[in-house]
């Protein structure tokens, strides 16, 4: 069992494959957990994360394929937690935790 927290950077679907195409690999930040309400910045929609799912987003919203594209993903697809960057060498270091408190609510 993997314990996840908001803002964790997660590997998902069979060592980080896409929920749309199992051959693609994704590493995304967990933004919302089951029961949370997420505000989507560009469409101004509010989405409730269903039980057994989470909301994931990349750090670069203009180029990221994430929950804004394919919706909440099943928690069962989370396969690990990213703690450090090892490549490219100029980015080596610990992954910082960021929480988007202005976009998330635990109640309606």
PDB file of N, CA and C in Angstrom:
ATOM      1  N   UNK A   1       0.836  -1.169   0.000  1.00  0.00           N
ATOM      2  CA  UNK A   1       0.000   0.000   0.000  1.00  0.00           C
ATOM      3  C   UNK A   1       0.885   1.238   0.000  1.00  0.00           C
ATOM      4  N   UNK A   2       0.497   2.224  -0.804  1.00  0.00           N
ATOM      5  CA  UNK A   2       1.235   3.480  -0.889  1.00  0.00           C
ATOM      6  C   UNK A   2       0.412   4.568  -0.219  1.00  0.00           C
ATOM      7  N   UNK A   3       1.002   5.268   0.723  1.00  0.00           N
ATOM      8  CA  UNK A   3       0.326   6.383   1.375  1.00  0.00           C
ATOM      9  C   UNK A   3       0.668   7.647   0.613  1.00  0.00           C
ATOM     10  N   UNK A   4      -0.358   8.398   0.201  1.00  0.00           N
ATOM     11  CA  UNK A   4      -0.114   9.607  -0.563  1.00  0.00           C
ATOM     12  C   UNK A   4      -0.663  10.819   0.168  1.00  0.00           C
ATOM     13  N   UNK A   5      -0.056  11.959  -0.086  1.00  0.00           N
ATOM     14  CA  UNK A   5      -0.470  13.222   0.508  1.00  0.00           C
ATOM     15  C   UNK A   5      -0.699  14.233  -0.607  1.00  0.00           C
ATOM     16  N   UNK A   6      -1.492  15.250  -0.320  1.00  0.00           N
ATOM     17  CA  UNK A   6      -1.632  16.332  -1.279  1.00  0.00           C
ATOM     18  C   UNK A   6      -0.265  16.887  -1.596  1.00  0.00           C
ATOM     19  N   UNK A   7      -0.054  17.221  -2.821  1.00  0.00           N
ATOM     20  CA  UNK A   7       1.172  17.787  -3.370  1.00  0.00           C
ATOM     21  C   UNK A   7       2.264  16.753  -3.592  1.00  0.00           C
ATOM     22  N   UNK A   8       2.041  15.487  -3.201  1.00  0.00           N
ATOM     23  CA  UNK A   8       3.016  14.470  -3.557  1.00  0.00           C
ATOM     24  C   UNK A   8       3.121  14.402  -5.075  1.00  0.00           C
ATOM     25  N   UNK A   9       4.296  14.113  -5.559  1.00  0.00           N
ATOM     26  CA  UNK A   9       4.479  13.876  -6.984  1.00  0.00           C
ATOM     27  C   UNK A   9       4.448  12.373  -7.139  1.00  0.00           C
ATOM     28  N   UNK A  10       3.496  11.898  -7.935  1.00  0.00           N
ATOM     29  CA  UNK A  10       3.215  10.470  -7.982  1.00  0.00           C
ATOM     30  C   UNK A  10       3.556   9.848  -9.324  1.00  0.00           C
ATOM     31  N   UNK A  11       3.909   8.595  -9.260  1.00  0.00           N
ATOM     32  CA  UNK A  11       4.012   7.761 -10.447  1.00  0.00           C
ATOM     33  C   UNK A  11       2.723   6.976 -10.505  1.00  0.00           C
ATOM     34  N   UNK A  12       2.117   6.858 -11.681  1.00  0.00           N
ATOM     35  CA  UNK A  12       0.880   6.101 -11.701  1.00  0.00           C
ATOM     36  C   UNK A  12       0.738   5.216 -12.922  1.00  0.00           C
ATOM     37  N   UNK A  13      -0.108   4.283 -12.799  1.00  0.00           N
ATOM     38  CA  UNK A  13      -0.454   3.239 -13.742  1.00  0.00           C
ATOM     39  C   UNK A  13       0.757   2.408 -14.111  1.00  0.00           C
ATOM     40  N   UNK A  14       0.918   1.314 -13.447  1.00  0.00           N
ATOM     41  CA  UNK A  14       1.920   0.347 -13.840  1.00  0.00           C
ATOM     42  C   UNK A  14       3.266   1.022 -14.089  1.00  0.00           C
ATOM     43  N   UNK A  15       3.857   1.523 -13.074  1.00  0.00           N
ATOM     44  CA  UNK A  15       5.074   2.332 -13.089  1.00  0.00           C
ATOM     45  C   UNK A  15       4.916   3.522 -14.014  1.00  0.00           C
ATOM     46  N   UNK A  16       3.906   4.281 -13.745  1.00  0.00           N
ATOM     47  CA  UNK A  16       3.735   5.609 -14.291  1.00  0.00           C
ATOM     48  C   UNK A  16       3.266   5.675 -15.733  1.00  0.00           C
ATOM     49  N   UNK A  17       2.363   4.812 -16.133  1.00  0.00           N
ATOM     50  CA  UNK A  17       1.764   4.908 -17.464  1.00  0.00           C
ATOM     51  C   UNK A  17       0.544   5.809 -17.435  1.00  0.00           C
ATOM     52  N   UNK A  18       0.152   6.268 -18.583  1.00  0.00           N
ATOM     53  CA  UNK A  18      -1.010   7.144 -18.717  1.00  0.00           C
ATOM     54  C   UNK A  18      -2.309   6.380 -18.508  1.00  0.00           C
ATOM     55  N   UNK A  19      -3.335   7.012 -17.924  1.00  0.00           N
ATOM     56  CA  UNK A  19      -4.630   6.352 -17.808  1.00  0.00           C
ATOM     57  C   UNK A  19      -5.325   6.225 -19.160  1.00  0.00           C
ATOM     58  N   UNK A  20      -4.853   6.942 -20.163  1.00  0.00           N
ATOM     59  CA  UNK A  20      -5.440   6.877 -21.502  1.00  0.00           C
ATOM     60  C   UNK A  20      -4.704   5.855 -22.368  1.00  0.00           C
ATOM     61  N   UNK A  21      -3.388   5.834 -22.296  1.00  0.00           N
ATOM     62  CA  UNK A  21      -2.575   4.951 -23.127  1.00  0.00           C
ATOM     63  C   UNK A  21      -1.493   4.321 -22.255  1.00  0.00           C
ATOM     64  N   UNK A  22      -1.600   3.020 -22.022  1.00  0.00           N
ATOM     65  CA  UNK A  22      -0.676   2.343 -21.098  1.00  0.00           C
ATOM     66  C   UNK A  22       0.783   2.403 -21.539  1.00  0.00           C
ATOM     67  N   UNK A  23       1.051   2.801 -22.776  1.00  0.00           N
ATOM     68  CA  UNK A  23       2.434   2.892 -23.249  1.00  0.00           C
ATOM     69  C   UNK A  23       3.079   4.233 -22.902  1.00  0.00           C
ATOM     70  N   UNK A  24       2.262   5.234 -22.551  1.00  0.00           N
ATOM     71  CA  UNK A  24       2.799   6.540 -22.171  1.00  0.00           C
ATOM     72  C   UNK A  24       3.100   6.563 -20.684  1.00  0.00           C
ATOM     73  N   UNK A  25       4.137   7.271 -20.298  1.00  0.00           N
ATOM     74  CA  UNK A  25       4.547   7.378 -18.902  1.00  0.00           C
ATOM     75  C   UNK A  25       4.341   8.808 -18.414  1.00  0.00           C
ATOM     76  N   UNK A  26       3.746   8.959 -17.231  1.00  0.00           N
ATOM     77  CA  UNK A  26       3.500  10.275 -16.652  1.00  0.00           C
ATOM     78  C   UNK A  26       4.009  10.333 -15.221  1.00  0.00           C
ATOM     79  N   UNK A  27       4.482  11.490 -14.840  1.00  0.00           N
ATOM     80  CA  UNK A  27       4.806  11.810 -13.453  1.00  0.00           C
ATOM     81  C   UNK A  27       4.077  13.116 -13.160  1.00  0.00           C
ATOM     82  N   UNK A  28       3.138  13.084 -12.225  1.00  0.00           N
ATOM     83  CA  UNK A  28       2.293  14.249 -11.956  1.00  0.00           C
ATOM     84  C   UNK A  28       2.184  14.513 -10.464  1.00  0.00           C
ATOM     85  N   UNK A  29       1.818  15.737 -10.129  1.00  0.00           N
ATOM     86  CA  UNK A  29       1.617  16.146  -8.748  1.00  0.00           C
ATOM     87  C   UNK A  29       0.163  15.888  -8.352  1.00  0.00           C
ATOM     88  N   UNK A  30      -0.063  15.321  -7.172  1.00  0.00           N
ATOM     89  CA  UNK A  30      -1.414  15.073  -6.683  1.00  0.00           C
ATOM     90  C   UNK A  30      -1.962  16.379  -6.107  1.00  0.00           C
ATOM     91  N   UNK A  31      -3.074  16.835  -6.682  1.00  0.00           N
ATOM     92  CA  UNK A  31      -3.670  18.113  -6.287  1.00  0.00           C
ATOM     93  C   UNK A  31      -4.879  17.906  -5.382  1.00  0.00           C
ATOM     94  N   UNK A  32      -5.647  16.838  -5.630  1.00  0.00           N
ATOM     95  CA  UNK A  32      -6.856  16.598  -4.844  1.00  0.00           C
ATOM     96  C   UNK A  32      -7.063  15.124  -4.560  1.00  0.00           C
ATOM     97  N   UNK A  33      -7.672  14.844  -3.407  1.00  0.00           N
ATOM     98  CA  UNK A  33      -7.955  13.477  -2.968  1.00  0.00           C
ATOM     99  C   UNK A  33      -9.470  13.262  -2.911  1.00  0.00           C
ATOM    100  N   UNK A  34      -9.938  12.024  -2.709  1.00  0.00           N
ATOM    101  CA  UNK A  34     -11.381  11.748  -2.710  1.00  0.00           C
ATOM    102  C   UNK A  34     -12.158  12.693  -1.791  1.00  0.00           C
ATOM    103  N   UNK A  35     -13.270  13.224  -2.320  1.00  0.00           N
ATOM    104  CA  UNK A  35     -14.120  14.115  -1.547  1.00  0.00           C
ATOM    105  C   UNK A  35     -13.763  15.587  -1.677  1.00  0.00           C
ATOM    106  N   UNK A  36     -12.570  15.902  -2.185  1.00  0.00           N
ATOM    107  CA  UNK A  36     -12.163  17.298  -2.373  1.00  0.00           C
ATOM    108  C   UNK A  36     -12.888  17.904  -3.574  1.00  0.00           C
ATOM    109  N   UNK A  37     -13.048  19.208  -3.535  1.00  0.00           N
ATOM    110  CA  UNK A  37     -13.555  19.977  -4.668  1.00  0.00           C
ATOM    111  C   UNK A  37     -12.380  20.733  -5.254  1.00  0.00           C
ATOM    112  N   UNK A  38     -12.178  20.621  -6.568  1.00  0.00           N
ATOM    113  CA  UNK A  38     -11.058  21.266  -7.245  1.00  0.00           C
ATOM    114  C   UNK A  38     -11.596  22.315  -8.203  1.00  0.00           C
ATOM    115  N   UNK A  39     -11.056  23.515  -8.120  1.00  0.00           N
ATOM    116  CA  UNK A  39     -11.387  24.559  -9.083  1.00  0.00           C
ATOM    117  C   UNK A  39     -10.405  24.489 -10.233  1.00  0.00           C
ATOM    118  N   UNK A  40     -10.923  24.366 -11.457  1.00  0.00           N
ATOM    119  CA  UNK A  40     -10.050  24.332 -12.628  1.00  0.00           C
ATOM    120  C   UNK A  40      -9.844  25.764 -13.112  1.00  0.00           C
ATOM    121  N   UNK A  41      -8.601  26.200 -13.211  1.00  0.00           N
ATOM    122  CA  UNK A  41      -8.310  27.609 -13.432  1.00  0.00           C
ATOM    123  C   UNK A  41      -8.774  28.188 -14.769  1.00  0.00           C
ATOM    124  N   UNK A  42      -8.763  27.414 -15.840  1.00  0.00           N
ATOM    125  CA  UNK A  42      -9.067  27.982 -17.154  1.00  0.00           C
ATOM    126  C   UNK A  42     -10.534  27.865 -17.524  1.00  0.00           C
ATOM    127  N   UNK A  43     -11.193  26.792 -17.123  1.00  0.00           N
ATOM    128  CA  UNK A  43     -12.604  26.625 -17.473  1.00  0.00           C
ATOM    129  C   UNK A  43     -13.521  27.158 -16.376  1.00  0.00           C
ATOM    130  N   UNK A  44     -12.975  27.446 -15.220  1.00  0.00           N
ATOM    131  CA  UNK A  44     -13.728  27.941 -14.065  1.00  0.00           C
ATOM    132  C   UNK A  44     -14.766  26.938 -13.578  1.00  0.00           C
ATOM    133  N   UNK A  45     -14.575  25.667 -13.911  1.00  0.00           N
ATOM    134  CA  UNK A  45     -15.436  24.604 -13.402  1.00  0.00           C
ATOM    135  C   UNK A  45     -14.964  24.197 -12.018  1.00  0.00           C
ATOM    136  N   UNK A  46     -15.861  23.550 -11.270  1.00  0.00           N
ATOM    137  CA  UNK A  46     -15.499  22.962  -9.988  1.00  0.00           C
ATOM    138  C   UNK A  46     -15.844  21.484 -10.088  1.00  0.00           C
ATOM    139  N   UNK A  47     -14.884  20.642  -9.746  1.00  0.00           N
ATOM    140  CA  UNK A  47     -15.041  19.196  -9.880  1.00  0.00           C
ATOM    141  C   UNK A  47     -14.906  18.545  -8.513  1.00  0.00           C
ATOM    142  N   UNK A  48     -15.850  17.673  -8.157  1.00  0.00           N
ATOM    143  CA  UNK A  48     -15.719  16.896  -6.915  1.00  0.00           C
ATOM    144  C   UNK A  48     -15.002  15.598  -7.250  1.00  0.00           C
ATOM    145  N   UNK A  49     -13.942  15.318  -6.494  1.00  0.00           N
ATOM    146  CA  UNK A  49     -13.166  14.096  -6.729  1.00  0.00           C
ATOM    147  C   UNK A  49     -13.929  12.925  -6.137  1.00  0.00           C
ATOM    148  N   UNK A  50     -14.284  11.929  -6.974  1.00  0.00           N
ATOM    149  CA  UNK A  50     -15.052  10.786  -6.465  1.00  0.00           C
ATOM    150  C   UNK A  50     -14.215   9.893  -5.554  1.00  0.00           C
ATOM    151  N   UNK A  51     -14.906   9.112  -4.744  1.00  0.00           N
ATOM    152  CA  UNK A  51     -14.212   8.140  -3.887  1.00  0.00           C
ATOM    153  C   UNK A  51     -13.347   7.225  -4.755  1.00  0.00           C
ATOM    154  N   UNK A  52     -12.167   6.917  -4.256  1.00  0.00           N
ATOM    155  CA  UNK A  52     -11.262   6.017  -4.966  1.00  0.00           C
ATOM    156  C   UNK A  52     -10.482   6.672  -6.086  1.00  0.00           C
ATOM    157  N   UNK A  53     -10.524   8.015  -6.177  1.00  0.00           N
ATOM    158  CA  UNK A  53      -9.836   8.739  -7.246  1.00  0.00           C
ATOM    159  C   UNK A  53      -9.016   9.898  -6.677  1.00  0.00           C
ATOM    160  N   UNK A  54      -8.164  10.473  -7.512  1.00  0.00           N
ATOM    161  CA  UNK A  54      -7.426  11.678  -7.151  1.00  0.00           C
ATOM    162  C   UNK A  54      -7.284  12.547  -8.393  1.00  0.00           C
ATOM    163  N   UNK A  55      -6.923  13.798  -8.182  1.00  0.00           N
ATOM    164  CA  UNK A  55      -6.719  14.761  -9.264  1.00  0.00           C
ATOM    165  C   UNK A  55      -5.219  15.015  -9.372  1.00  0.00           C
ATOM    166  N   UNK A  56      -4.657  14.855 -10.571  1.00  0.00           N
ATOM    167  CA  UNK A  56      -3.218  15.053 -10.767  1.00  0.00           C
ATOM    168  C   UNK A  56      -2.987  16.137 -11.811  1.00  0.00           C
ATOM    169  N   UNK A  57      -1.927  16.905 -11.615  1.00  0.00           N
ATOM    170  CA  UNK A  57      -1.564  17.950 -12.572  1.00  0.00           C
ATOM    171  C   UNK A  57      -0.056  18.027 -12.693  1.00  0.00           C
ATOM    172  N   UNK A  58       0.382  18.406 -13.888  1.00  0.00           N
ATOM    173  CA  UNK A  58       1.793  18.666 -14.115  1.00  0.00           C
ATOM    174  C   UNK A  58       2.154  20.065 -13.641  1.00  0.00           C
ATOM    175  N   UNK A  59       3.435  20.322 -13.500  1.00  0.00           N
ATOM    176  CA  UNK A  59       3.887  21.626 -13.011  1.00  0.00           C
ATOM    177  C   UNK A  59       3.817  22.718 -14.078  1.00  0.00           C
ATOM    178  N   UNK A  60       3.715  22.349 -15.347  1.00  0.00           N
ATOM    179  CA  UNK A  60       3.628  23.325 -16.432  1.00  0.00           C
ATOM    180  C   UNK A  60       2.258  23.197 -17.097  1.00  0.00           C
ATOM    181  N   UNK A  61       1.256  23.979 -16.641  1.00  0.00           N
ATOM    182  CA  UNK A  61      -0.116  23.788 -17.104  1.00  0.00           C
ATOM    183  C   UNK A  61      -0.318  23.965 -18.605  1.00  0.00           C
ATOM    184  N   UNK A  62       0.501  24.765 -19.265  1.00  0.00           N
ATOM    185  CA  UNK A  62       0.283  24.983 -20.691  1.00  0.00           C
ATOM    186  C   UNK A  62       0.722  23.795 -21.552  1.00  0.00           C
ATOM    187  N   UNK A  63       1.548  22.891 -21.004  1.00  0.00           N
ATOM    188  CA  UNK A  63       2.018  21.751 -21.785  1.00  0.00           C
ATOM    189  C   UNK A  63       1.734  20.413 -21.122  1.00  0.00           C
ATOM    190  N   UNK A  64       0.929  20.389 -20.094  1.00  0.00           N
ATOM    191  CA  UNK A  64       0.756  19.174 -19.308  1.00  0.00           C
ATOM    192  C   UNK A  64      -0.497  18.395 -19.698  1.00  0.00           C
ATOM    193  N   UNK A  65      -0.343  17.088 -19.896  1.00  0.00           N
ATOM    194  CA  UNK A  65      -1.470  16.181 -20.084  1.00  0.00           C
ATOM    195  C   UNK A  65      -1.738  15.585 -18.711  1.00  0.00           C
ATOM    196  N   UNK A  66      -2.887  15.961 -18.110  1.00  0.00           N
ATOM    197  CA  UNK A  66      -3.159  15.578 -16.731  1.00  0.00           C
ATOM    198  C   UNK A  66      -4.658  15.519 -16.492  1.00  0.00           C
ATOM    199  N   UNK A  67      -5.105  15.607 -15.251  1.00  0.00           N
ATOM    200  CA  UNK A  67      -6.532  15.492 -14.937  1.00  0.00           C
ATOM    201  C   UNK A  67      -7.367  16.580 -15.600  1.00  0.00           C
ATOM    202  N   UNK A  68      -6.762  17.694 -15.944  1.00  0.00           N
ATOM    203  CA  UNK A  68      -7.513  18.713 -16.681  1.00  0.00           C
ATOM    204  C   UNK A  68      -7.897  18.200 -18.063  1.00  0.00           C
ATOM    205  N   UNK A  69      -7.152  17.197 -18.561  1.00  0.00           N
ATOM    206  CA  UNK A  69      -7.451  16.586 -19.857  1.00  0.00           C
ATOM    207  C   UNK A  69      -8.295  15.328 -19.721  1.00  0.00           C
ATOM    208  N   UNK A  70      -7.947  14.456 -18.749  1.00  0.00           N
ATOM    209  CA  UNK A  70      -8.629  13.161 -18.659  1.00  0.00           C
ATOM    210  C   UNK A  70      -9.416  12.951 -17.379  1.00  0.00           C
ATOM    211  N   UNK A  71      -9.542  13.974 -16.528  1.00  0.00           N
ATOM    212  CA  UNK A  71     -10.351  13.862 -15.320  1.00  0.00           C
ATOM    213  C   UNK A  71      -9.621  13.161 -14.177  1.00  0.00           C
ATOM    214  N   UNK A  72     -10.340  12.909 -13.076  1.00  0.00           N
ATOM    215  CA  UNK A  72      -9.724  12.232 -11.930  1.00  0.00           C
ATOM    216  C   UNK A  72      -9.253  10.837 -12.328  1.00  0.00           C
ATOM    217  N   UNK A  73      -8.156  10.395 -11.727  1.00  0.00           N
ATOM    218  CA  UNK A  73      -7.654   9.044 -12.020  1.00  0.00           C
ATOM    219  C   UNK A  73      -7.885   8.145 -10.805  1.00  0.00           C
ATOM    220  N   UNK A  74      -8.073   6.846 -11.030  1.00  0.00           N
ATOM    221  CA  UNK A  74      -8.241   5.924  -9.909  1.00  0.00           C
ATOM    222  C   UNK A  74      -6.989   5.880  -9.032  1.00  0.00           C
ATOM    223  N   UNK A  75      -7.192   5.849  -7.717  1.00  0.00           N
ATOM    224  CA  UNK A  75      -6.056   5.749  -6.794  1.00  0.00           C
ATOM    225  C   UNK A  75      -5.247   4.482  -7.041  1.00  0.00           C
ATOM    226  N   UNK A  76      -5.899   3.462  -7.564  1.00  0.00           N
ATOM    227  CA  UNK A  76      -5.199   2.212  -7.859  1.00  0.00           C
ATOM    228  C   UNK A  76      -4.119   2.357  -8.912  1.00  0.00           C
ATOM    229  N   UNK A  77      -4.135   3.449  -9.662  1.00  0.00           N
ATOM    230  CA  UNK A  77      -3.110   3.677 -10.676  1.00  0.00           C
ATOM    231  C   UNK A  77      -1.858   4.326 -10.103  1.00  0.00           C
ATOM    232  N   UNK A  78      -1.940   4.839  -8.872  1.00  0.00           N
ATOM    233  CA  UNK A  78      -0.763   5.431  -8.232  1.00  0.00           C
ATOM    234  C   UNK A  78       0.184   4.298  -7.881  1.00  0.00           C
ATOM    235  N   UNK A  79       1.413   4.429  -8.345  1.00  0.00           N
ATOM    236  CA  UNK A  79       2.359   3.337  -8.183  1.00  0.00           C
ATOM    237  C   UNK A  79       3.614   3.730  -7.424  1.00  0.00           C
ATOM    238  N   UNK A  80       3.718   4.960  -6.961  1.00  0.00           N
ATOM    239  CA  UNK A  80       4.902   5.369  -6.227  1.00  0.00           C
ATOM    240  C   UNK A  80       4.906   6.857  -5.956  1.00  0.00           C
ATOM    241  N   UNK A  81       5.940   7.312  -5.309  1.00  0.00           N
ATOM    242  CA  UNK A  81       6.105   8.723  -4.952  1.00  0.00           C
ATOM    243  C   UNK A  81       7.478   9.181  -5.418  1.00  0.00           C
ATOM    244  N   UNK A  82       7.498  10.333  -6.051  1.00  0.00           N
ATOM    245  CA  UNK A  82       8.758  10.910  -6.512  1.00  0.00           C
ATOM    246  C   UNK A  82       9.291  11.817  -5.408  1.00  0.00           C
ATOM    247  N   UNK A  83      10.542  11.634  -5.033  1.00  0.00           N
ATOM    248  CA  UNK A  83      11.135  12.472  -3.988  1.00  0.00           C
ATOM    249  C   UNK A  83      12.295  13.320  -4.500  1.00  0.00           C
ATOM    250  N   UNK A  84      12.958  12.853  -5.573  1.00  0.00           N
ATOM    251  CA  UNK A  84      14.133  13.562  -6.084  1.00  0.00           C
ATOM    252  C   UNK A  84      14.158  13.533  -7.614  1.00  0.00           C
ATOM    253  N   UNK A  85      14.781  14.548  -8.189  1.00  0.00           N
ATOM    254  CA  UNK A  85      15.055  14.594  -9.618  1.00  0.00           C
ATOM    255  C   UNK A  85      16.507  14.163  -9.800  1.00  0.00           C
ATOM    256  N   UNK A  86      16.738  13.234 -10.717  1.00  0.00           N
ATOM    257  CA  UNK A  86      18.109  12.771 -10.956  1.00  0.00           C
ATOM    258  C   UNK A  86      18.603  13.093 -12.365  1.00  0.00           C
ATOM    259  N   UNK A  87      17.702  13.549 -13.227  1.00  0.00           N
ATOM    260  CA  UNK A  87      18.092  13.915 -14.582  1.00  0.00           C
ATOM    261  C   UNK A  87      17.170  15.005 -15.083  1.00  0.00           C
ATOM    262  N   UNK A  88      17.630  15.977 -15.737  1.00  0.00           N
ATOM    263  CA  UNK A  88      19.009  16.265 -16.143  1.00  0.00           C
ATOM    264  C   UNK A  88      19.841  16.765 -14.967  1.00  0.00           C
ATOM    265  N   UNK A  89      21.150  16.657 -15.079  1.00  0.00           N
ATOM    266  CA  UNK A  89      22.040  17.009 -13.958  1.00  0.00           C
ATOM    267  C   UNK A  89      21.831  18.418 -13.404  1.00  0.00           C
ATOM    268  N   UNK A  90      21.455  19.367 -14.234  1.00  0.00           N
ATOM    269  CA  UNK A  90      21.258  20.751 -13.746  1.00  0.00           C
ATOM    270  C   UNK A  90      20.055  20.862 -12.822  1.00  0.00           C
ATOM    271  N   UNK A  91      19.156  19.844 -12.835  1.00  0.00           N
ATOM    272  CA  UNK A  91      17.955  19.881 -11.988  1.00  0.00           C
ATOM    273  C   UNK A  91      18.016  18.890 -10.832  1.00  0.00           C
ATOM    274  N   UNK A  92      19.145  18.235 -10.616  1.00  0.00           N
ATOM    275  CA  UNK A  92      19.265  17.249  -9.544  1.00  0.00           C
ATOM    276  C   UNK A  92      18.911  17.881  -8.210  1.00  0.00           C
ATOM    277  N   UNK A  93      18.076  17.197  -7.446  1.00  0.00           N
ATOM    278  CA  UNK A  93      17.709  17.696  -6.131  1.00  0.00           C
ATOM    279  C   UNK A  93      16.373  17.159  -5.678  1.00  0.00           C
ATOM    280  N   UNK A  94      15.971  17.593  -4.511  1.00  0.00           N
ATOM    281  CA  UNK A  94      14.721  17.154  -3.906  1.00  0.00           C
ATOM    282  C   UNK A  94      13.531  17.823  -4.600  1.00  0.00           C
ATOM    283  N   UNK A  95      12.435  17.080  -4.777  1.00  0.00           N
ATOM    284  CA  UNK A  95      11.210  17.639  -5.350  1.00  0.00           C
ATOM    285  C   UNK A  95      10.482  18.395  -4.249  1.00  0.00           C
ATOM    286  N   UNK A  96      10.139  19.645  -4.538  1.00  0.00           N
ATOM    287  CA  UNK A  96       9.449  20.452  -3.530  1.00  0.00           C
ATOM    288  C   UNK A  96       7.965  20.113  -3.510  1.00  0.00           C
ATOM    289  N   UNK A  97       7.345  20.270  -2.342  1.00  0.00           N
ATOM    290  CA  UNK A  97       5.916  20.030  -2.180  1.00  0.00           C
ATOM    291  C   UNK A  97       5.202  21.365  -2.288  1.00  0.00           C
ATOM    292  N   UNK A  98       4.219  21.425  -3.183  1.00  0.00           N
ATOM    293  CA  UNK A  98       3.426  22.642  -3.374  1.00  0.00           C
ATOM    294  C   UNK A  98       1.960  22.268  -3.236  1.00  0.00           C
ATOM    295  N   UNK A  99       1.229  23.035  -2.472  1.00  0.00           N
ATOM    296  CA  UNK A  99      -0.198  22.788  -2.305  1.00  0.00           C
ATOM    297  C   UNK A  99      -0.967  23.992  -2.844  1.00  0.00           C
ATOM    298  N   UNK A 100      -1.893  23.734  -3.770  1.00  0.00           N
ATOM    299  CA  UNK A 100      -2.692  24.796  -4.385  1.00  0.00           C
ATOM    300  C   UNK A 100      -3.903  25.089  -3.506  1.00  0.00           C
ATOM    301  N   UNK A 101      -3.689  25.753  -2.383  1.00  0.00           N
ATOM    302  CA  UNK A 101      -4.761  25.984  -1.408  1.00  0.00           C
ATOM    303  C   UNK A 101      -5.872  26.875  -1.955  1.00  0.00           C
ATOM    304  N   UNK A 102      -5.585  27.683  -2.946  1.00  0.00           N
ATOM    305  CA  UNK A 102      -6.603  28.563  -3.511  1.00  0.00           C
ATOM    306  C   UNK A 102      -7.550  27.836  -4.458  1.00  0.00           C
ATOM    307  N   UNK A 103      -7.258  26.594  -4.811  1.00  0.00           N
ATOM    308  CA  UNK A 103      -8.071  25.849  -5.773  1.00  0.00           C
ATOM    309  C   UNK A 103      -8.742  24.615  -5.191  1.00  0.00           C
ATOM    310  N   UNK A 104      -8.552  24.340  -3.913  1.00  0.00           N
ATOM    311  CA  UNK A 104      -9.066  23.112  -3.337  1.00  0.00           C
ATOM    312  C   UNK A 104      -9.905  23.408  -2.099  1.00  0.00           C
ATOM    313  N   UNK A 105     -10.965  22.626  -1.942  1.00  0.00           N
ATOM    314  CA  UNK A 105     -11.819  22.741  -0.772  1.00  0.00           C
ATOM    315  C   UNK A 105     -12.281  21.342  -0.380  1.00  0.00           C
ATOM    316  N   UNK A 106     -12.344  21.098   0.920  1.00  0.00           N
ATOM    317  CA  UNK A 106     -12.798  19.787   1.394  1.00  0.00           C
ATOM    318  C   UNK A 106     -14.304  19.724   1.553  1.00  0.00           C
ATOM    319  N   UNK A 107     -14.984  20.838   1.290  1.00  0.00           N
ATOM    320  CA  UNK A 107     -16.447  20.859   1.372  1.00  0.00           C
ATOM    321  C   UNK A 107     -17.003  21.738   0.262  1.00  0.00           C
ATOM    322  N   UNK A 108     -18.283  21.556  -0.051  1.00  0.00           N
ATOM    323  CA  UNK A 108     -18.902  22.302  -1.159  1.00  0.00           C
ATOM    324  C   UNK A 108     -19.098  23.757  -0.825  1.00  0.00           C
TER     325      UNK A 108
END
